[in-house]
Amino acid sequence: MLRKLENDWKSYKRALRIEDKKHFDKLFERAEQNADASSYMNTSEPFKAFLISVILEQEKEIHNLKQRKIEA
């Protein structure tokens, strides 16, 4: 699922500025971290599972940054 989505967005990625491409790639890396859970959705719209996976990883990162700030 992720590889197909990544392939579908290939032309978009090519059009991005060089400095944005690494951030685009990071989205797929984050989604990959939840690929197992996404596979249970069995949805006709895999993009939804991709978005939720990315949002989940961002939420975890926000939480971790807040924890570090509290501990500092």
N, C-alpha and C. Protein backbone atom coordinates (compact mmCIF):
# COMPACT_ATOMS: atom_id res chain seq x y z
N MET A 1 0.81 -1.18 0.00
CA MET A 1 0.00 0.00 0.00
C MET A 1 0.87 1.26 0.00
N LEU A 2 1.84 1.34 0.91
CA LEU A 2 2.67 2.53 1.00
C LEU A 2 3.50 2.76 -0.25
N ARG A 3 4.04 1.70 -0.79
CA ARG A 3 4.86 1.85 -2.00
C ARG A 3 4.02 2.38 -3.16
N LYS A 4 2.78 1.91 -3.27
CA LYS A 4 1.90 2.40 -4.33
C LYS A 4 1.59 3.88 -4.12
N LEU A 5 1.28 4.26 -2.89
CA LEU A 5 1.02 5.67 -2.60
C LEU A 5 2.24 6.53 -2.92
N GLU A 6 3.39 6.04 -2.49
CA GLU A 6 4.62 6.79 -2.75
C GLU A 6 4.85 6.94 -4.25
N ASN A 7 4.58 5.89 -4.98
CA ASN A 7 4.72 5.94 -6.44
C ASN A 7 3.70 6.90 -7.05
N ASP A 8 2.48 6.90 -6.53
CA ASP A 8 1.43 7.79 -7.04
C ASP A 8 1.81 9.26 -6.86
N TRP A 9 2.60 9.56 -5.83
CA TRP A 9 2.98 10.94 -5.52
C TRP A 9 4.37 11.30 -6.05
N LYS A 10 4.93 10.44 -6.88
CA LYS A 10 6.29 10.64 -7.38
C LYS A 10 6.45 11.96 -8.14
N SER A 11 5.49 12.29 -8.99
CA SER A 11 5.61 13.54 -9.76
C SER A 11 5.49 14.76 -8.85
N TYR A 12 4.68 14.65 -7.81
CA TYR A 12 4.58 15.73 -6.82
C TYR A 12 5.93 15.94 -6.14
N LYS A 13 6.55 14.85 -5.73
CA LYS A 13 7.85 14.93 -5.07
C LYS A 13 8.89 15.57 -5.98
N ARG A 14 8.87 15.19 -7.25
CA ARG A 14 9.84 15.77 -8.20
C ARG A 14 9.69 17.28 -8.29
N ALA A 15 8.46 17.78 -8.13
CA ALA A 15 8.20 19.21 -8.24
C ALA A 15 8.57 20.00 -6.98
N LEU A 16 8.81 19.30 -5.88
CA LEU A 16 9.15 19.97 -4.63
C LEU A 16 10.55 20.58 -4.69
N ARG A 17 10.75 21.59 -3.86
CA ARG A 17 12.09 22.14 -3.70
C ARG A 17 12.97 21.08 -3.04
N ILE A 18 14.24 21.15 -3.31
CA ILE A 18 15.18 20.15 -2.79
C ILE A 18 15.07 20.02 -1.28
N GLU A 19 14.99 21.14 -0.58
CA GLU A 19 14.94 21.08 0.88
C GLU A 19 13.65 20.48 1.41
N ASP A 20 12.59 20.46 0.61
CA ASP A 20 11.31 19.87 1.03
C ASP A 20 11.22 18.37 0.76
N LYS A 21 12.02 17.88 -0.15
CA LYS A 21 11.96 16.46 -0.51
C LYS A 21 12.26 15.54 0.67
N LYS A 22 13.22 15.93 1.51
CA LYS A 22 13.56 15.09 2.66
C LYS A 22 12.40 15.04 3.65
N HIS A 23 11.65 16.12 3.76
CA HIS A 23 10.49 16.14 4.65
C HIS A 23 9.36 15.29 4.07
N PHE A 24 9.21 15.34 2.77
CA PHE A 24 8.22 14.49 2.09
C PHE A 24 8.54 13.02 2.34
N ASP A 25 9.81 12.66 2.19
CA ASP A 25 10.23 11.28 2.45
C ASP A 25 9.97 10.88 3.90
N LYS A 26 10.12 11.83 4.81
CA LYS A 26 9.90 11.56 6.23
C LYS A 26 8.44 11.16 6.49
N LEU A 27 7.50 11.72 5.73
CA LEU A 27 6.10 11.33 5.88
C LEU A 27 5.91 9.83 5.65
N PHE A 28 6.55 9.33 4.62
CA PHE A 28 6.43 7.91 4.31
C PHE A 28 7.17 7.05 5.33
N GLU A 29 8.27 7.58 5.85
CA GLU A 29 8.97 6.84 6.92
C GLU A 29 8.08 6.73 8.15
N ARG A 30 7.37 7.80 8.47
CA ARG A 30 6.47 7.78 9.62
C ARG A 30 5.31 6.82 9.39
N ALA A 31 4.75 6.84 8.21
CA ALA A 31 3.64 5.94 7.90
C ALA A 31 4.10 4.48 7.96
N GLU A 32 5.33 4.24 7.57
CA GLU A 32 5.89 2.88 7.59
C GLU A 32 5.92 2.32 9.01
N GLN A 33 6.08 3.19 9.99
CA GLN A 33 6.15 2.74 11.38
C GLN A 33 4.82 2.16 11.87
N ASN A 34 3.75 2.45 11.16
CA ASN A 34 2.43 1.94 11.54
C ASN A 34 1.80 1.10 10.43
N ALA A 35 2.61 0.59 9.56
CA ALA A 35 2.10 -0.18 8.42
C ALA A 35 1.32 -1.41 8.87
N ASP A 36 1.76 -2.06 9.94
CA ASP A 36 1.04 -3.24 10.42
C ASP A 36 -0.38 -2.90 10.83
N ALA A 37 -0.54 -1.83 11.58
CA ALA A 37 -1.88 -1.42 12.01
C ALA A 37 -2.72 -1.00 10.82
N SER A 38 -2.11 -0.32 9.87
CA SER A 38 -2.85 0.13 8.68
C SER A 38 -3.38 -1.03 7.87
N SER A 39 -2.64 -2.12 7.85
CA SER A 39 -3.07 -3.27 7.05
C SER A 39 -4.36 -3.89 7.58
N TYR A 40 -4.66 -3.68 8.85
CA TYR A 40 -5.89 -4.21 9.43
C TYR A 40 -7.13 -3.44 8.98
N MET A 41 -6.93 -2.25 8.45
CA MET A 41 -8.08 -1.43 8.05
C MET A 41 -8.79 -1.99 6.82
N ASN A 42 -8.05 -2.60 5.91
CA ASN A 42 -8.64 -3.16 4.71
C ASN A 42 -9.62 -2.18 4.06
N THR A 43 -9.13 -1.01 3.80
CA THR A 43 -9.97 0.05 3.27
C THR A 43 -9.78 0.25 1.78
N SER A 44 -10.80 0.76 1.13
CA SER A 44 -10.68 1.08 -0.28
C SER A 44 -9.98 2.43 -0.46
N GLU A 45 -9.72 3.11 0.66
CA GLU A 45 -9.04 4.40 0.63
C GLU A 45 -7.78 4.34 1.49
N PRO A 46 -6.70 3.78 0.96
CA PRO A 46 -5.48 3.62 1.75
C PRO A 46 -4.86 4.95 2.19
N PHE A 47 -5.22 6.02 1.50
CA PHE A 47 -4.67 7.32 1.87
C PHE A 47 -5.09 7.72 3.28
N LYS A 48 -6.28 7.31 3.69
CA LYS A 48 -6.74 7.61 5.05
C LYS A 48 -5.84 6.94 6.08
N ALA A 49 -5.50 5.69 5.86
CA ALA A 49 -4.61 4.98 6.78
C ALA A 49 -3.24 5.63 6.80
N PHE A 50 -2.77 6.06 5.64
CA PHE A 50 -1.50 6.77 5.55
C PHE A 50 -1.54 8.04 6.41
N LEU A 51 -2.57 8.84 6.25
CA LEU A 51 -2.68 10.09 7.00
C LEU A 51 -2.74 9.86 8.50
N ILE A 52 -3.54 8.90 8.92
CA ILE A 52 -3.64 8.61 10.36
C ILE A 52 -2.29 8.14 10.90
N SER A 53 -1.58 7.34 10.15
CA SER A 53 -0.26 6.86 10.58
C SER A 53 0.72 8.01 10.75
N VAL A 54 0.72 8.93 9.80
CA VAL A 54 1.61 10.09 9.88
C VAL A 54 1.22 10.97 11.06
N ILE A 55 -0.08 11.23 11.22
CA ILE A 55 -0.55 12.06 12.33
C ILE A 55 -0.20 11.43 13.67
N LEU A 56 -0.34 10.13 13.77
CA LEU A 56 0.00 9.43 15.01
C LEU A 56 1.48 9.63 15.36
N GLU A 57 2.33 9.46 14.37
CA GLU A 57 3.77 9.63 14.62
C GLU A 57 4.10 11.08 14.98
N GLN A 58 3.43 12.03 14.37
CA GLN A 58 3.65 13.43 14.72
C GLN A 58 3.17 13.71 16.14
N GLU A 59 2.05 13.13 16.50
CA GLU A 59 1.53 13.31 17.86
C GLU A 59 2.52 12.75 18.89
N LYS A 60 3.10 11.60 18.60
CA LYS A 60 4.10 11.02 19.50
C LYS A 60 5.32 11.92 19.61
N GLU A 61 5.72 12.50 18.49
CA GLU A 61 6.88 13.39 18.51
C GLU A 61 6.58 14.65 19.32
N ILE A 62 5.39 15.22 19.17
CA ILE A 62 4.99 16.39 19.96
C ILE A 62 5.01 16.05 21.44
N HIS A 63 4.46 14.91 21.79
CA HIS A 63 4.45 14.46 23.19
C HIS A 63 5.87 14.35 23.74
N ASN A 64 6.74 13.72 22.98
CA ASN A 64 8.13 13.55 23.42
C ASN A 64 8.84 14.88 23.59
N LEU A 65 8.59 15.82 22.68
CA LEU A 65 9.21 17.15 22.80
C LEU A 65 8.69 17.88 24.04
N LYS A 66 7.40 17.75 24.33
CA LYS A 66 6.84 18.37 25.53
C LYS A 66 7.45 17.76 26.79
N GLN A 67 7.61 16.44 26.78
CA GLN A 67 8.20 15.76 27.93
C GLN A 67 9.64 16.24 28.17
N ARG A 68 10.39 16.39 27.09
CA ARG A 68 11.77 16.86 27.22
C ARG A 68 11.81 18.28 27.77
N LYS A 69 10.87 19.11 27.33
CA LYS A 69 10.81 20.49 27.81
C LYS A 69 10.49 20.52 29.30
N ILE A 70 9.56 19.67 29.74
CA ILE A 70 9.19 19.60 31.15
C ILE A 70 10.38 19.15 31.99
N GLU A 71 11.13 18.18 31.47
CA GLU A 71 12.26 17.61 32.22
C GLU A 71 13.47 18.53 32.23
N ALA A 72 13.52 19.48 31.32
CA ALA A 72 14.69 20.38 31.21
C ALA A 72 14.68 21.47 32.26
